[in-house]
Amino acid sequence: MSLIRQNKWFIWLGIIITVTAIATAIGLFTKVNADGETQITEDIVQSVTLSVYENGTQVTSNVYKLDSIVKLNLTYQLPDAKYGDGATYTYTLPSQLKIDQTYSGTLVNSEFPDGVGTYTIGTDNKILLKFNGNIDGLFDIKGGFWAEAKLS
């Protein structure tokens, strides 16, 4: 009799574990933050292109002077339908670059006139990307933005 009860208990435990595993795999149990923001921890920056300018002319040699203007073009790509409204990503520029003033802009997307979020570049060399609700459920979200700094 106790062997039958023990077997039933193991069968129910197996069913619960299987249902939980399937529900997790299809995304029924997702992490939700109370404040609506999720910090993106994986690297979403796909490429960084650097151009150096002295007196308004692009430098083509591999030797750069201090205080030259550096223009960076960063591209990003989000994993498919993984993040939503309020998701943020922080990228830190190298300390050899100096940001003179804080500035921000829209993360442009051809499907949404108001973009998919905003970016802010601070004098602490941190770039904060904050995505809006337009990314909810979308696949293949990618884009780019630029930053300007000085070599120091």
C-alpha atoms as a PDB file:
ATOM      1  CA  MET A   1       0.000   0.000   0.000  1.00  0.00           C
ATOM      2  CA  SER A   2       2.746   2.486   0.900  1.00  0.00           C
ATOM      3  CA  LEU A   3       4.586   1.530  -2.288  1.00  0.00           C
ATOM      4  CA  ILE A   4       1.513   2.528  -4.347  1.00  0.00           C
ATOM      5  CA  ARG A   5       1.240   5.883  -2.530  1.00  0.00           C
ATOM      6  CA  GLN A   6       4.948   6.481  -3.049  1.00  0.00           C
ATOM      7  CA  ASN A   7       4.653   5.738  -6.783  1.00  0.00           C
ATOM      8  CA  LYS A   8       1.681   8.121  -7.140  1.00  0.00           C
ATOM      9  CA  TRP A   9       3.645  10.829  -5.374  1.00  0.00           C
ATOM     10  CA  PHE A  10       6.585  10.356  -7.779  1.00  0.00           C
ATOM     11  CA  ILE A  11       4.236  10.386 -10.773  1.00  0.00           C
ATOM     12  CA  TRP A  12       2.648  13.691  -9.655  1.00  0.00           C
ATOM     13  CA  LEU A  13       6.075  15.170  -8.927  1.00  0.00           C
ATOM     14  CA  GLY A  14       7.211  14.153 -12.430  1.00  0.00           C
ATOM     15  CA  ILE A  15       4.134  15.748 -13.988  1.00  0.00           C
ATOM     16  CA  ILE A  16       4.663  19.020 -12.062  1.00  0.00           C
ATOM     17  CA  ILE A  17       8.344  19.166 -13.052  1.00  0.00           C
ATOM     18  CA  THR A  18       7.514  18.458 -16.714  1.00  0.00           C
ATOM     19  CA  VAL A  19       4.756  21.104 -16.864  1.00  0.00           C
ATOM     20  CA  THR A  20       7.025  23.671 -15.171  1.00  0.00           C
ATOM     21  CA  ALA A  21       9.882  22.920 -17.596  1.00  0.00           C
ATOM     22  CA  ILE A  22       7.617  23.272 -20.640  1.00  0.00           C
ATOM     23  CA  ALA A  23       6.039  26.501 -19.327  1.00  0.00           C
ATOM     24  CA  THR A  24       9.484  27.986 -18.671  1.00  0.00           C
ATOM     25  CA  ALA A  25      10.746  26.960 -22.118  1.00  0.00           C
ATOM     26  CA  ILE A  26       7.869  28.679 -23.924  1.00  0.00           C
ATOM     27  CA  GLY A  27       8.188  31.790 -21.778  1.00  0.00           C
ATOM     28  CA  LEU A  28       5.181  31.591 -19.482  1.00  0.00           C
ATOM     29  CA  PHE A  29       7.392  32.270 -16.478  1.00  0.00           C
ATOM     30  CA  THR A  30       9.336  35.431 -17.251  1.00  0.00           C
ATOM     31  CA  LYS A  31      11.213  37.711 -14.919  1.00  0.00           C
ATOM     32  CA  VAL A  32       9.263  40.893 -14.238  1.00  0.00           C
ATOM     33  CA  ASN A  33      10.657  43.898 -12.376  1.00  0.00           C
ATOM     34  CA  ALA A  34       8.294  45.979 -10.278  1.00  0.00           C
ATOM     35  CA  ASP A  35       9.788  49.245 -11.546  1.00  0.00           C
ATOM     36  CA  GLY A  36       9.328  48.262 -15.206  1.00  0.00           C
ATOM     37  CA  GLU A  37      13.044  48.461 -16.001  1.00  0.00           C
ATOM     38  CA  THR A  38      15.270  45.565 -16.947  1.00  0.00           C
ATOM     39  CA  GLN A  39      19.023  45.991 -17.164  1.00  0.00           C
ATOM     40  CA  ILE A  40      20.369  44.306 -20.296  1.00  0.00           C
ATOM     41  CA  THR A  41      23.524  42.480 -19.239  1.00  0.00           C
ATOM     42  CA  GLU A  42      24.508  40.807 -22.496  1.00  0.00           C
ATOM     43  CA  ASP A  43      26.637  42.718 -24.998  1.00  0.00           C
ATOM     44  CA  ILE A  44      24.303  44.166 -27.627  1.00  0.00           C
ATOM     45  CA  VAL A  45      26.924  46.420 -29.297  1.00  0.00           C
ATOM     46  CA  GLN A  46      27.705  44.852 -32.673  1.00  0.00           C
ATOM     47  CA  SER A  47      30.328  47.269 -33.970  1.00  0.00           C
ATOM     48  CA  VAL A  48      32.126  50.505 -33.184  1.00  0.00           C
ATOM     49  CA  THR A  49      33.569  52.570 -36.032  1.00  0.00           C
ATOM     50  CA  LEU A  50      36.048  55.304 -35.155  1.00  0.00           C
ATOM     51  CA  SER A  51      36.938  58.364 -37.252  1.00  0.00           C
ATOM     52  CA  VAL A  52      39.505  60.943 -36.098  1.00  0.00           C
ATOM     53  CA  TYR A  53      39.458  64.601 -37.179  1.00  0.00           C
ATOM     54  CA  GLU A  54      42.031  67.382 -36.782  1.00  0.00           C
ATOM     55  CA  ASN A  55      40.966  70.921 -37.685  1.00  0.00           C
ATOM     56  CA  GLY A  56      37.867  69.546 -39.423  1.00  0.00           C
ATOM     57  CA  THR A  57      39.830  67.167 -41.679  1.00  0.00           C
ATOM     58  CA  GLN A  58      39.682  63.404 -41.270  1.00  0.00           C
ATOM     59  CA  VAL A  59      43.026  61.904 -40.288  1.00  0.00           C
ATOM     60  CA  THR A  60      43.988  58.928 -42.432  1.00  0.00           C
ATOM     61  CA  SER A  61      47.315  58.050 -40.803  1.00  0.00           C
ATOM     62  CA  ASN A  62      47.600  55.825 -37.755  1.00  0.00           C
ATOM     63  CA  VAL A  63      49.159  58.535 -35.554  1.00  0.00           C
ATOM     64  CA  TYR A  64      46.686  60.815 -33.766  1.00  0.00           C
ATOM     65  CA  LYS A  65      47.291  63.987 -31.793  1.00  0.00           C
ATOM     66  CA  LEU A  66      45.807  64.593 -28.370  1.00  0.00           C
ATOM     67  CA  ASP A  67      42.673  66.773 -28.396  1.00  0.00           C
ATOM     68  CA  SER A  68      41.702  65.450 -31.832  1.00  0.00           C
ATOM     69  CA  ILE A  69      37.964  65.030 -32.350  1.00  0.00           C
ATOM     70  CA  VAL A  70      36.832  61.416 -32.428  1.00  0.00           C
ATOM     71  CA  LYS A  71      33.508  60.397 -33.974  1.00  0.00           C
ATOM     72  CA  LEU A  72      32.225  56.975 -32.981  1.00  0.00           C
ATOM     73  CA  ASN A  73      29.426  55.161 -34.757  1.00  0.00           C
ATOM     74  CA  LEU A  74      28.002  52.367 -32.595  1.00  0.00           C
ATOM     75  CA  THR A  75      25.581  49.734 -33.860  1.00  0.00           C
ATOM     76  CA  TYR A  76      23.480  47.477 -31.648  1.00  0.00           C
ATOM     77  CA  GLN A  77      21.201  44.479 -32.008  1.00  0.00           C
ATOM     78  CA  LEU A  78      18.733  43.161 -29.444  1.00  0.00           C
ATOM     79  CA  PRO A  79      17.933  39.470 -29.062  1.00  0.00           C
ATOM     80  CA  ASP A  80      14.555  38.578 -30.537  1.00  0.00           C
ATOM     81  CA  ALA A  81      11.549  39.484 -28.352  1.00  0.00           C
ATOM     82  CA  LYS A  82      13.560  39.215 -25.131  1.00  0.00           C
ATOM     83  CA  TYR A  83      13.203  42.740 -23.734  1.00  0.00           C
ATOM     84  CA  GLY A  84      10.393  45.272 -23.451  1.00  0.00           C
ATOM     85  CA  ASP A  85       9.478  48.797 -22.410  1.00  0.00           C
ATOM     86  CA  GLY A  86      11.996  50.300 -19.992  1.00  0.00           C
ATOM     87  CA  ALA A  87      14.866  47.911 -20.753  1.00  0.00           C
ATOM     88  CA  THR A  88      18.226  49.699 -20.380  1.00  0.00           C
ATOM     89  CA  TYR A  89      21.771  49.021 -21.514  1.00  0.00           C
ATOM     90  CA  THR A  90      24.915  50.833 -20.365  1.00  0.00           C
ATOM     91  CA  TYR A  91      28.071  51.002 -22.483  1.00  0.00           C
ATOM     92  CA  THR A  92      31.258  52.639 -21.198  1.00  0.00           C
ATOM     93  CA  LEU A  93      33.603  54.411 -23.602  1.00  0.00           C
ATOM     94  CA  PRO A  94      37.372  54.046 -23.044  1.00  0.00           C
ATOM     95  CA  SER A  95      38.941  56.507 -20.585  1.00  0.00           C
ATOM     96  CA  GLN A  96      41.216  57.845 -23.371  1.00  0.00           C
ATOM     97  CA  LEU A  97      38.149  59.591 -24.795  1.00  0.00           C
ATOM     98  CA  LYS A  98      36.739  62.722 -23.169  1.00  0.00           C
ATOM     99  CA  ILE A  99      33.079  63.702 -23.482  1.00  0.00           C
ATOM    100  CA  ASP A 100      32.799  67.501 -23.015  1.00  0.00           C
ATOM    101  CA  GLN A 101      29.035  67.709 -22.510  1.00  0.00           C
ATOM    102  CA  THR A 102      26.058  65.435 -21.950  1.00  0.00           C
ATOM    103  CA  TYR A 103      23.818  64.899 -24.949  1.00  0.00           C
ATOM    104  CA  SER A 104      21.003  62.607 -25.954  1.00  0.00           C
ATOM    105  CA  GLY A 105      18.937  61.520 -28.908  1.00  0.00           C
ATOM    106  CA  THR A 106      16.400  59.061 -30.259  1.00  0.00           C
ATOM    107  CA  LEU A 107      17.200  55.486 -31.224  1.00  0.00           C
ATOM    108  CA  VAL A 108      15.736  55.759 -34.714  1.00  0.00           C
ATOM    109  CA  ASN A 109      13.770  52.977 -36.372  1.00  0.00           C
ATOM    110  CA  SER A 110      12.085  53.179 -39.775  1.00  0.00           C
ATOM    111  CA  GLU A 111       8.891  51.537 -38.483  1.00  0.00           C
ATOM    112  CA  PHE A 112       8.342  53.938 -35.566  1.00  0.00           C
ATOM    113  CA  PRO A 113       8.431  57.739 -35.975  1.00  0.00           C
ATOM    114  CA  ASP A 114       9.167  58.141 -32.245  1.00  0.00           C
ATOM    115  CA  GLY A 115      11.952  55.532 -32.406  1.00  0.00           C
ATOM    116  CA  VAL A 116      12.560  52.499 -30.222  1.00  0.00           C
ATOM    117  CA  GLY A 117      14.068  54.430 -27.318  1.00  0.00           C
ATOM    118  CA  THR A 118      16.614  57.057 -26.380  1.00  0.00           C
ATOM    119  CA  TYR A 119      20.333  57.281 -25.757  1.00  0.00           C
ATOM    120  CA  THR A 120      22.179  59.563 -23.366  1.00  0.00           C
ATOM    121  CA  ILE A 121      25.937  60.099 -23.449  1.00  0.00           C
ATOM    122  CA  GLY A 122      27.365  61.568 -20.243  1.00  0.00           C
ATOM    123  CA  THR A 123      30.589  63.271 -19.298  1.00  0.00           C
ATOM    124  CA  ASP A 124      31.394  60.134 -17.271  1.00  0.00           C
ATOM    125  CA  ASN A 125      31.898  58.284 -20.620  1.00  0.00           C
ATOM    126  CA  LYS A 126      28.786  56.175 -20.057  1.00  0.00           C
ATOM    127  CA  ILE A 127      26.211  55.684 -22.781  1.00  0.00           C
ATOM    128  CA  LEU A 128      22.753  54.726 -21.555  1.00  0.00           C
ATOM    129  CA  LEU A 129      20.301  53.175 -24.008  1.00  0.00           C
ATOM    130  CA  LYS A 130      16.707  53.091 -22.787  1.00  0.00           C
ATOM    131  CA  PHE A 131      14.218  51.225 -24.950  1.00  0.00           C
ATOM    132  CA  ASN A 132      10.504  52.045 -25.117  1.00  0.00           C
ATOM    133  CA  GLY A 133       7.378  49.949 -25.646  1.00  0.00           C
ATOM    134  CA  ASN A 134       7.872  49.883 -29.423  1.00  0.00           C
ATOM    135  CA  ILE A 135      10.286  46.953 -29.002  1.00  0.00           C
ATOM    136  CA  ASP A 136       7.717  44.736 -27.258  1.00  0.00           C
ATOM    137  CA  GLY A 137       7.493  41.425 -29.098  1.00  0.00           C
ATOM    138  CA  LEU A 138       9.632  42.550 -32.049  1.00  0.00           C
ATOM    139  CA  PHE A 139      12.326  40.514 -33.734  1.00  0.00           C
ATOM    140  CA  ASP A 140      15.582  41.695 -35.330  1.00  0.00           C
ATOM    141  CA  ILE A 141      15.773  45.075 -33.560  1.00  0.00           C
ATOM    142  CA  LYS A 142      18.943  46.832 -34.595  1.00  0.00           C
ATOM    143  CA  GLY A 143      20.133  50.341 -35.098  1.00  0.00           C
ATOM    144  CA  GLY A 144      22.936  52.762 -34.527  1.00  0.00           C
ATOM    145  CA  PHE A 145      23.903  56.121 -33.116  1.00  0.00           C
ATOM    146  CA  TRP A 146      26.993  58.260 -32.971  1.00  0.00           C
ATOM    147  CA  ALA A 147      29.060  59.875 -30.226  1.00  0.00           C
ATOM    148  CA  GLU A 148      31.666  62.608 -30.397  1.00  0.00           C
ATOM    149  CA  ALA A 149      34.634  62.886 -28.030  1.00  0.00           C
ATOM    150  CA  LYS A 150      38.199  64.186 -27.759  1.00  0.00           C
ATOM    151  CA  LEU A 151      41.349  62.133 -27.440  1.00  0.00           C
ATOM    152  CA  SER A 152      42.916  62.789 -24.059  1.00  0.00           C
END
